């Protein structure tokens, strides 16, 4: 009996006999089977079974109680089939290994949208190992760059360096700079920084010099409202005049009592956050992984044996190459640089 006939029967056009079983078309050809067993005229048990390896199989069963008009019934079955596909994909990946990617300057050009080629590669990589992204920007900006389906495209999404953490689309953690430092200390820092920028003599200034995020403060001497051309020009100017390094030096000395970390990144700004709230913050959610490989355009040594930090051009370790056996490594180097 076809799925369509089964659904019609369930809708009351033809009452099925309780206990009757029928096979549904397998979503995974010879590696999976599906059965549909009637419990009553309006409920059934759907069972999936598929082969992971020669000696291992996974079975999933769930009860289905559709409304009389069958509204959404077909989409419900399709959703379960997709879930089964996700489980099968995860079972085929190398366990205990995760590849974490920075966003700006790594998966995308600074503040640009991910290319179709890179997106395709990331999907292929996810077939081999667990994949996550960790960016300093908030989730809105990361979504603008990586796409509206970003929470489903990656196993982990750590926005604001992991202070907002998602796993397989679900929120698993949140931390707030405001609650951590308190309003008085925040106001002290913001007021001093704005006065410093006001007295700063640079070729151009635009707007949004301070962007307050839930887990950090982003400071931009030129202002985040500048155009891409102005970004490029400021980056060149900053390399010669050291505008950001000098500003960071002053702020670090002034607010030493707050124990803050200053991280210069991108073209026009730097991030300010409590010590330990850098990208290594995301490690607290990854205890189940024995190998953690980080890919970024600006990386530094960190005091963590679990966190493999390296420069982009040299970041593919021998262990990860073994995990990438099914992916074209030449493409990986091309897309990563």
Protein backbone atom coordinates (compact mmCIF):
# COMPACT_ATOMS: atom_id res chain seq x y z
CA UNK A 1 0.00 0.00 0.00
CA UNK A 2 1.43 3.40 -0.93
CA UNK A 3 2.00 6.14 1.67
CA UNK A 4 -0.81 8.15 0.06
CA UNK A 5 -3.26 5.25 0.44
CA UNK A 6 -2.12 4.73 4.02
CA UNK A 7 -2.78 8.37 4.82
CA UNK A 8 -6.22 8.23 3.15
CA UNK A 9 -7.07 5.12 5.12
CA UNK A 10 -5.97 6.82 8.32
CA UNK A 11 -8.21 9.74 7.48
CA UNK A 12 -11.30 7.57 7.63
CA UNK A 13 -11.85 6.87 3.93
CA UNK A 14 -11.04 3.26 4.69
CA UNK A 15 -10.71 1.95 8.24
CA UNK A 16 -7.59 -0.18 8.69
CA UNK A 17 -7.50 -3.30 10.81
CA UNK A 18 -5.58 -2.84 14.07
CA UNK A 19 -2.27 -4.68 14.01
CA UNK A 20 -1.97 -4.49 10.23
CA UNK A 21 1.56 -3.59 9.13
CA UNK A 22 2.65 -2.09 5.85
CA UNK A 23 6.06 -1.13 4.52
CA UNK A 24 6.79 2.43 3.52
CA UNK A 25 9.32 3.25 0.78
CA UNK A 26 12.78 3.31 2.36
CA UNK A 27 14.39 6.78 2.49
CA UNK A 28 17.84 5.14 2.36
CA UNK A 29 17.42 2.43 -0.32
CA UNK A 30 18.86 -0.90 0.79
CA UNK A 31 20.36 0.45 4.02
CA UNK A 32 17.05 1.20 5.70
CA UNK A 33 13.56 -0.17 6.04
CA UNK A 34 10.40 1.49 7.33
CA UNK A 35 7.17 -0.05 8.57
CA UNK A 36 3.79 1.43 9.46
CA UNK A 37 1.70 -0.56 11.98
CA UNK A 38 -1.90 0.39 12.69
CA UNK A 39 -2.96 0.61 16.32
CA UNK A 40 -6.45 1.95 15.64
CA UNK A 41 -8.21 3.71 12.79
CA UNK A 42 -6.54 7.01 13.68
CA UNK A 43 -3.20 6.05 15.21
CA UNK A 44 -0.19 4.02 14.21
CA UNK A 45 3.37 3.15 15.10
CA UNK A 46 6.04 4.00 12.57
CA UNK A 47 9.32 2.12 12.83
CA UNK A 48 12.57 2.83 11.03
CA UNK A 49 15.56 0.52 10.93
CA UNK A 50 18.78 1.18 9.09
CA UNK A 51 22.22 -0.37 8.89
CA UNK A 52 25.12 1.73 10.14
CA UNK A 53 27.74 -0.94 9.55
CA UNK A 54 27.86 -4.70 8.95
CA UNK A 55 27.46 -5.33 12.64
CA UNK A 56 25.46 -2.35 13.87
CA UNK A 57 21.99 -1.04 13.14
CA UNK A 58 19.78 1.67 14.63
CA UNK A 59 16.02 1.41 15.11
CA UNK A 60 13.62 4.26 15.78
CA UNK A 61 9.91 3.98 16.57
CA UNK A 62 7.34 6.63 17.33
CA UNK A 63 3.57 6.85 17.71
CA UNK A 64 1.58 8.87 15.22
CA UNK A 65 -1.81 10.30 16.10
CA UNK A 66 -2.81 12.60 13.24
CA UNK A 67 -5.91 14.81 13.41
CA UNK A 68 -8.97 13.63 11.44
CA UNK A 69 -8.34 16.08 8.60
CA UNK A 70 -4.70 14.88 8.29
CA UNK A 71 -3.48 18.47 8.42
CA UNK A 72 0.31 18.40 8.53
CA UNK A 73 0.48 14.60 8.58
CA UNK A 74 2.63 14.28 5.48
CA UNK A 75 5.03 17.01 6.67
CA UNK A 76 5.27 15.25 10.05
CA UNK A 77 6.43 12.03 8.41
CA UNK A 78 8.89 13.92 6.22
CA UNK A 79 10.31 15.62 9.34
CA UNK A 80 10.92 12.24 10.96
CA UNK A 81 12.60 10.97 7.81
CA UNK A 82 14.89 14.02 7.86
CA UNK A 83 15.65 13.36 11.53
CA UNK A 84 16.58 9.80 10.67
CA UNK A 85 18.89 11.10 7.96
CA UNK A 86 20.58 13.37 10.51
CA UNK A 87 21.16 10.44 12.88
CA UNK A 88 22.59 8.30 10.10
CA UNK A 89 24.91 11.13 9.01
CA UNK A 90 26.16 11.65 12.57
CA UNK A 91 26.74 7.91 13.03
CA UNK A 92 29.03 7.88 9.98
CA UNK A 93 31.28 10.69 11.27
CA UNK A 94 34.54 10.21 13.13
CA UNK A 95 33.65 10.40 16.84
CA UNK A 96 35.43 12.68 19.29
CA UNK A 97 36.66 15.13 16.63
CA UNK A 98 35.36 18.64 16.03
CA UNK A 99 36.51 21.37 13.64
CA UNK A 100 35.80 24.91 14.86
CA UNK A 101 35.89 27.83 12.43
CA UNK A 102 36.18 31.56 12.94
CA UNK A 103 33.83 33.63 10.76
CA UNK A 104 35.36 36.96 9.65
CA UNK A 105 38.50 36.42 7.59
CA UNK A 106 38.09 32.64 7.64
CA UNK A 107 34.71 31.41 6.42
CA UNK A 108 33.99 34.83 4.91
CA UNK A 109 35.84 37.99 4.01
CA UNK A 110 35.37 40.57 6.80
CA UNK A 111 31.64 41.34 7.16
CA UNK A 112 30.90 39.64 3.83
CA UNK A 113 28.54 36.78 3.00
CA UNK A 114 29.77 33.20 2.76
CA UNK A 115 30.34 32.03 -0.81
CA UNK A 116 28.39 29.09 -2.28
CA UNK A 117 31.67 27.19 -2.71
CA UNK A 118 32.61 27.56 0.95
CA UNK A 119 29.10 26.66 2.09
CA UNK A 120 29.20 23.51 -0.05
CA UNK A 121 32.55 22.54 1.41
CA UNK A 122 31.36 23.03 4.98
CA UNK A 123 28.41 20.74 4.30
CA UNK A 124 30.77 18.10 2.93
CA UNK A 125 33.06 18.48 5.93
CA UNK A 126 30.12 17.98 8.27
CA UNK A 127 29.66 14.51 6.77
CA UNK A 128 33.11 13.59 8.10
CA UNK A 129 33.51 15.38 11.47
CA UNK A 130 31.47 17.53 13.83
CA UNK A 131 31.61 21.18 12.71
CA UNK A 132 31.11 24.38 14.68
CA UNK A 133 31.54 28.11 14.16
CA UNK A 134 32.70 30.56 16.80
CA UNK A 135 32.57 34.30 16.10
CA UNK A 136 32.91 37.49 18.07
CA UNK A 137 29.83 39.02 16.46
CA UNK A 138 26.32 38.58 17.78
CA UNK A 139 23.98 35.99 16.29
CA UNK A 140 22.25 38.56 14.07
CA UNK A 141 25.49 39.47 12.29
CA UNK A 142 26.65 35.85 12.04
CA UNK A 143 23.29 34.97 10.50
CA UNK A 144 23.69 37.79 7.96
CA UNK A 145 27.05 36.33 6.93
CA UNK A 146 26.41 32.58 7.08
CA UNK A 147 22.71 32.47 6.20
CA UNK A 148 19.34 32.25 7.92
CA UNK A 149 19.73 28.49 8.43
CA UNK A 150 23.07 28.86 10.24
CA UNK A 151 21.80 27.19 13.44
CA UNK A 152 20.92 24.09 11.44
CA UNK A 153 23.89 24.18 9.05
CA UNK A 154 26.43 23.57 11.84
CA UNK A 155 26.48 21.31 14.87
CA UNK A 156 27.57 24.17 17.14
CA UNK A 157 27.15 27.92 16.70
CA UNK A 158 29.00 30.03 19.26
CA UNK A 159 28.17 33.71 18.81
CA UNK A 160 29.96 36.39 20.84
CA UNK A 161 32.80 33.92 21.42
CA UNK A 162 30.45 31.35 22.91
CA UNK A 163 28.62 33.54 25.39
CA UNK A 164 25.54 32.65 23.38
CA UNK A 165 25.83 28.95 22.55
CA UNK A 166 23.66 26.75 20.32
CA UNK A 167 23.91 23.03 19.68
CA UNK A 168 21.96 21.46 16.80
CA UNK A 169 19.73 24.52 16.74
CA UNK A 170 18.97 24.58 20.47
CA UNK A 171 20.16 27.21 22.97
CA UNK A 172 22.52 25.58 25.49
CA UNK A 173 24.11 28.57 27.25
CA UNK A 174 24.04 32.33 27.73
CA UNK A 175 26.21 34.83 29.62
CA UNK A 176 25.82 38.60 29.98
CA UNK A 177 28.50 41.28 30.31
CA UNK A 178 26.04 43.63 32.00
CA UNK A 179 25.26 41.22 34.82
CA UNK A 180 28.93 40.25 35.16
CA UNK A 181 30.47 43.75 35.46
CA UNK A 182 27.54 45.84 36.63
CA UNK A 183 26.21 49.12 35.28
CA UNK A 184 28.60 51.44 37.15
CA UNK A 185 31.76 49.79 35.82
CA UNK A 186 30.35 49.65 32.30
CA UNK A 187 29.48 53.34 32.38
CA UNK A 188 32.96 54.21 33.64
CA UNK A 189 34.59 52.35 30.77
CA UNK A 190 32.23 53.66 28.05
CA UNK A 191 32.52 57.29 29.16
CA UNK A 192 36.33 57.22 29.18
CA UNK A 193 36.48 55.47 25.79
CA UNK A 194 34.16 57.98 24.13
CA UNK A 195 36.24 60.89 25.49
CA UNK A 196 39.40 59.24 24.14
CA UNK A 197 37.89 58.84 20.67
CA UNK A 198 36.59 62.43 20.71
CA UNK A 199 40.16 63.68 21.22
CA UNK A 200 41.63 61.27 18.67
CA UNK A 201 42.98 62.93 15.52
CA UNK A 202 42.48 60.59 12.56
CA UNK A 203 41.62 61.39 8.90
CA UNK A 204 37.92 60.52 9.13
CA UNK A 205 35.30 59.54 11.70
CA UNK A 206 31.82 58.24 11.09
CA UNK A 207 29.42 56.80 13.67
CA UNK A 208 28.80 53.92 16.10
CA UNK A 209 32.14 54.11 17.88
CA UNK A 210 31.00 51.74 20.63
CA UNK A 211 28.77 48.74 20.06
CA UNK A 212 27.53 47.13 23.24
CA UNK A 213 26.87 43.41 22.88
CA UNK A 214 25.60 41.03 25.50
CA UNK A 215 29.03 39.54 26.06
CA UNK A 216 31.51 42.19 24.97
CA UNK A 217 32.08 45.80 23.92
CA UNK A 218 33.30 46.47 20.39
CA UNK A 219 35.27 49.72 20.03
CA UNK A 220 35.92 51.31 16.64
CA UNK A 221 38.03 54.52 16.45
CA UNK A 222 36.70 55.33 12.96
CA UNK A 223 33.13 54.17 13.67
CA UNK A 224 31.36 51.07 12.39
CA UNK A 225 29.18 53.14 10.04
CA UNK A 226 32.09 53.69 7.64
CA UNK A 227 31.96 52.34 4.10
CA UNK A 228 34.00 49.38 2.88
CA UNK A 229 36.37 51.73 1.09
CA UNK A 230 36.85 53.70 4.32
CA UNK A 231 37.44 50.45 6.19
CA UNK A 232 40.21 49.52 3.80
CA UNK A 233 41.82 52.94 4.11
CA UNK A 234 41.68 52.90 7.91
CA UNK A 235 43.25 49.45 8.01
CA UNK A 236 46.22 50.73 6.02
CA UNK A 237 46.45 53.87 8.20
CA UNK A 238 46.25 51.83 11.40
CA UNK A 239 49.12 49.55 10.33
CA UNK A 240 51.35 52.61 10.07
CA UNK A 241 50.05 54.76 12.94
CA UNK A 242 49.08 51.97 15.36
CA UNK A 243 45.86 53.72 16.33
CA UNK A 244 44.25 50.63 17.83
CA UNK A 245 47.33 49.23 19.63
CA UNK A 246 47.98 52.61 21.27
CA UNK A 247 44.36 52.94 22.34
CA UNK A 248 44.33 49.43 23.76
CA UNK A 249 47.50 50.17 25.74
CA UNK A 250 45.87 53.21 27.36
CA UNK A 251 42.63 51.37 28.17
CA UNK A 252 44.45 48.33 29.56
CA UNK A 253 46.38 50.51 32.01
CA UNK A 254 43.37 52.66 32.95
CA UNK A 255 41.07 49.71 33.64
CA UNK A 256 43.54 47.16 34.99
CA UNK A 257 41.28 46.74 38.04
CA UNK A 258 38.52 45.29 35.83
CA UNK A 259 40.77 42.46 34.55
CA UNK A 260 39.67 42.91 30.94
CA UNK A 261 41.01 41.38 27.75
CA UNK A 262 41.49 43.46 24.61
CA UNK A 263 41.45 41.68 21.27
CA UNK A 264 42.31 43.53 18.05
CA UNK A 265 40.62 41.90 15.07
CA UNK A 266 39.17 42.69 11.67
CA UNK A 267 39.89 46.00 9.97
CA UNK A 268 38.53 48.77 12.15
CA UNK A 269 37.86 47.72 15.74
CA UNK A 270 38.81 45.74 18.81
CA UNK A 271 36.79 43.74 21.33
CA UNK A 272 36.79 44.20 25.09
CA UNK A 273 35.62 41.45 27.44
CA UNK A 274 36.42 39.88 30.82
CA UNK A 275 39.49 37.64 30.97
CA UNK A 276 38.67 34.16 29.70
CA UNK A 277 35.78 35.34 27.55
CA UNK A 278 37.65 34.92 24.27
CA UNK A 279 36.97 32.10 21.80
CA UNK A 280 38.32 29.56 24.27
CA UNK A 281 35.16 30.22 26.30
CA UNK A 282 33.37 27.87 23.90
CA UNK A 283 35.51 24.96 25.15
CA UNK A 284 33.28 24.58 28.21
CA UNK A 285 30.64 23.04 25.93
CA UNK A 286 33.01 20.60 24.20
CA UNK A 287 34.14 18.20 26.91
CA UNK A 288 33.02 15.20 24.85
CA UNK A 289 35.63 15.86 22.13
CA UNK A 290 39.18 14.53 22.34
CA UNK A 291 40.42 16.46 19.28
CA UNK A 292 39.46 20.11 18.80
CA UNK A 293 40.85 21.83 15.71
CA UNK A 294 40.48 25.60 15.39
CA UNK A 295 40.74 27.46 12.08
CA UNK A 296 41.19 31.23 12.06
CA UNK A 297 42.95 34.07 10.30
CA UNK A 298 44.46 35.41 13.54
CA UNK A 299 45.36 32.76 16.09
CA UNK A 300 47.47 32.64 19.23
CA UNK A 301 48.80 30.00 21.58
CA UNK A 302 46.49 29.28 24.48
CA UNK A 303 46.99 27.39 27.74
CA UNK A 304 44.77 24.46 26.83
CA UNK A 305 45.87 21.03 25.68
CA UNK A 306 42.48 20.36 24.18
CA UNK A 307 42.47 23.45 21.97
CA UNK A 308 44.60 23.14 18.83
CA UNK A 309 45.26 26.74 17.77
CA UNK A 310 47.15 27.36 14.54
CA UNK A 311 47.57 29.65 11.56
CA UNK A 312 45.20 29.07 8.64
CA UNK A 313 47.87 28.10 6.11
CA UNK A 314 49.23 25.37 8.38
CA UNK A 315 46.13 24.35 10.28
CA UNK A 316 45.37 20.95 8.77
CA UNK A 317 46.96 18.47 11.15
CA UNK A 318 47.68 14.87 10.22
CA UNK A 319 44.85 13.68 12.49
CA UNK A 320 42.34 15.91 10.78
CA UNK A 321 43.59 14.88 7.36
CA UNK A 322 42.69 11.32 8.30
CA UNK A 323 39.22 12.55 9.17
CA UNK A 324 38.94 14.32 5.82
CA UNK A 325 39.48 11.21 3.75
CA UNK A 326 36.19 11.69 1.93
CA UNK A 327 36.77 15.39 1.21
CA UNK A 328 38.97 16.90 -1.46
CA UNK A 329 41.81 18.37 0.61
CA UNK A 330 43.02 20.50 -2.32
CA UNK A 331 39.64 22.20 -2.30
CA UNK A 332 40.00 22.68 1.44
CA UNK A 333 43.24 24.61 1.07
CA UNK A 334 41.83 26.68 -1.80
CA UNK A 335 38.67 27.64 0.08
CA UNK A 336 40.41 28.24 3.38
CA UNK A 337 42.91 30.78 2.16
